[in-house]
Amino acid sequence: MRTIKFLIAGATLIAAAGVASAASVSGKITKIDPKTDAITLSDGKVFTLPEGIEAETLKVGETVDVTYSGTGPRLRASKIHVVK
């Protein structure tokens, strides 16, 4: 019984860590790099696009909501939503 409680607690912590590592930001696209499938927002952050979203489908000047993970100069987008 004690082992089960420990496993449940561990799984809860792992799930919470996964949720906590994702962040989101909104901004206007200022640059699109189709070679590297990356976009730059007006705040200077550069996001690598997720599988299934091609750089050619986005336009400079569009406002987007980006869900991402990672730190440093290149952030990995997991979801991009164009704000209309």
C-alpha atoms as a PDB file:
ATOM      1  CA  MET A   1       0.000   0.000   0.000  1.00  0.00           C
ATOM      2  CA  ARG A   2       2.825   2.372   0.825  1.00  0.00           C
ATOM      3  CA  THR A   3       4.472   1.648  -2.532  1.00  0.00           C
ATOM      4  CA  ILE A   4       1.274   2.500  -4.400  1.00  0.00           C
ATOM      5  CA  LYS A   5       0.980   5.850  -2.623  1.00  0.00           C
ATOM      6  CA  PHE A   6       4.620   6.597  -3.449  1.00  0.00           C
ATOM      7  CA  LEU A   7       4.066   5.736  -7.131  1.00  0.00           C
ATOM      8  CA  ILE A   8       0.945   7.901  -7.327  1.00  0.00           C
ATOM      9  CA  ALA A   9       2.756  10.825  -5.710  1.00  0.00           C
ATOM     10  CA  GLY A  10       5.689  10.424  -8.108  1.00  0.00           C
ATOM     11  CA  ALA A  11       3.414  10.294 -11.157  1.00  0.00           C
ATOM     12  CA  THR A  12       1.617  13.435  -9.975  1.00  0.00           C
ATOM     13  CA  LEU A  13       4.912  15.304  -9.620  1.00  0.00           C
ATOM     14  CA  ILE A  14       6.063  14.238 -13.069  1.00  0.00           C
ATOM     15  CA  ALA A  15       2.765  15.339 -14.628  1.00  0.00           C
ATOM     16  CA  ALA A  16       2.920  18.695 -12.840  1.00  0.00           C
ATOM     17  CA  ALA A  17       6.503  19.250 -14.005  1.00  0.00           C
ATOM     18  CA  GLY A  18       5.447  18.670 -17.620  1.00  0.00           C
ATOM     19  CA  VAL A  19       2.665  21.227 -17.346  1.00  0.00           C
ATOM     20  CA  ALA A  20       4.869  23.740 -15.556  1.00  0.00           C
ATOM     21  CA  SER A  21       7.563  23.617 -18.234  1.00  0.00           C
ATOM     22  CA  ALA A  22       5.201  24.834 -20.969  1.00  0.00           C
ATOM     23  CA  ALA A  23       4.717  28.566 -21.339  1.00  0.00           C
ATOM     24  CA  SER A  24       2.818  30.778 -23.738  1.00  0.00           C
ATOM     25  CA  VAL A  25       3.276  34.187 -25.276  1.00  0.00           C
ATOM     26  CA  SER A  26       1.424  36.395 -27.754  1.00  0.00           C
ATOM     27  CA  GLY A  27       3.128  38.623 -30.274  1.00  0.00           C
ATOM     28  CA  LYS A  28       3.455  39.835 -33.820  1.00  0.00           C
ATOM     29  CA  ILE A  29       5.603  37.880 -36.282  1.00  0.00           C
ATOM     30  CA  THR A  30       8.489  40.051 -37.503  1.00  0.00           C
ATOM     31  CA  LYS A  31      10.551  37.425 -39.323  1.00  0.00           C
ATOM     32  CA  ILE A  32       9.963  33.993 -40.840  1.00  0.00           C
ATOM     33  CA  ASP A  33      12.842  31.643 -41.681  1.00  0.00           C
ATOM     34  CA  PRO A  34      11.531  28.833 -43.916  1.00  0.00           C
ATOM     35  CA  LYS A  35      14.983  27.185 -44.015  1.00  0.00           C
ATOM     36  CA  THR A  36      14.943  26.442 -40.307  1.00  0.00           C
ATOM     37  CA  ASP A  37      11.132  26.498 -39.856  1.00  0.00           C
ATOM     38  CA  ALA A  38      11.410  29.273 -37.293  1.00  0.00           C
ATOM     39  CA  ILE A  39       9.623  32.529 -36.550  1.00  0.00           C
ATOM     40  CA  THR A  40      10.716  35.623 -34.656  1.00  0.00           C
ATOM     41  CA  LEU A  41       8.218  37.673 -32.666  1.00  0.00           C
ATOM     42  CA  SER A  42       8.304  41.402 -31.993  1.00  0.00           C
ATOM     43  CA  ASP A  43       9.842  40.763 -28.547  1.00  0.00           C
ATOM     44  CA  GLY A  44      12.864  39.113 -30.240  1.00  0.00           C
ATOM     45  CA  LYS A  45      12.064  35.544 -29.193  1.00  0.00           C
ATOM     46  CA  VAL A  46      12.740  32.907 -31.860  1.00  0.00           C
ATOM     47  CA  PHE A  47      10.548  29.804 -31.991  1.00  0.00           C
ATOM     48  CA  THR A  48      11.178  26.594 -33.905  1.00  0.00           C
ATOM     49  CA  LEU A  49       7.878  25.486 -35.420  1.00  0.00           C
ATOM     50  CA  PRO A  50       6.334  22.144 -34.450  1.00  0.00           C
ATOM     51  CA  GLU A  51       5.799  19.266 -36.874  1.00  0.00           C
ATOM     52  CA  GLY A  52       2.761  19.900 -39.035  1.00  0.00           C
ATOM     53  CA  ILE A  53       3.128  23.701 -39.171  1.00  0.00           C
ATOM     54  CA  GLU A  54       5.174  25.001 -42.067  1.00  0.00           C
ATOM     55  CA  ALA A  55       6.691  28.483 -42.048  1.00  0.00           C
ATOM     56  CA  GLU A  56       5.059  29.216 -45.402  1.00  0.00           C
ATOM     57  CA  THR A  57       1.587  29.071 -43.791  1.00  0.00           C
ATOM     58  CA  LEU A  58       2.382  32.080 -41.571  1.00  0.00           C
ATOM     59  CA  LYS A  59       2.822  35.737 -42.549  1.00  0.00           C
ATOM     60  CA  VAL A  60       4.939  38.581 -41.212  1.00  0.00           C
ATOM     61  CA  GLY A  61       2.669  40.952 -39.317  1.00  0.00           C
ATOM     62  CA  GLU A  62       0.273  38.269 -38.062  1.00  0.00           C
ATOM     63  CA  THR A  63      -0.397  38.158 -34.331  1.00  0.00           C
ATOM     64  CA  VAL A  64      -0.002  34.682 -32.873  1.00  0.00           C
ATOM     65  CA  ASP A  65      -0.344  32.876 -29.557  1.00  0.00           C
ATOM     66  CA  VAL A  66       2.584  30.486 -29.099  1.00  0.00           C
ATOM     67  CA  THR A  67       2.759  27.658 -26.557  1.00  0.00           C
ATOM     68  CA  TYR A  68       6.383  26.632 -26.134  1.00  0.00           C
ATOM     69  CA  SER A  69       9.020  24.931 -24.035  1.00  0.00           C
ATOM     70  CA  GLY A  70      12.737  25.326 -23.615  1.00  0.00           C
ATOM     71  CA  THR A  71      15.130  28.097 -22.744  1.00  0.00           C
ATOM     72  CA  GLY A  72      17.901  29.936 -24.491  1.00  0.00           C
ATOM     73  CA  PRO A  73      18.026  31.498 -27.918  1.00  0.00           C
ATOM     74  CA  ARG A  74      15.782  28.884 -29.599  1.00  0.00           C
ATOM     75  CA  LEU A  75      12.468  27.938 -28.068  1.00  0.00           C
ATOM     76  CA  ARG A  76      10.424  24.956 -29.289  1.00  0.00           C
ATOM     77  CA  ALA A  77       6.830  25.818 -30.127  1.00  0.00           C
ATOM     78  CA  SER A  78       4.307  23.074 -29.462  1.00  0.00           C
ATOM     79  CA  LYS A  79       1.262  25.026 -30.650  1.00  0.00           C
ATOM     80  CA  ILE A  80       0.709  28.185 -32.686  1.00  0.00           C
ATOM     81  CA  HIS A  81      -2.625  29.920 -33.040  1.00  0.00           C
ATOM     82  CA  VAL A  82      -3.113  32.889 -35.377  1.00  0.00           C
ATOM     83  CA  VAL A  83      -5.188  35.585 -33.653  1.00  0.00           C
ATOM     84  CA  LYS A  84      -7.787  37.028 -36.011  1.00  0.00           C
END
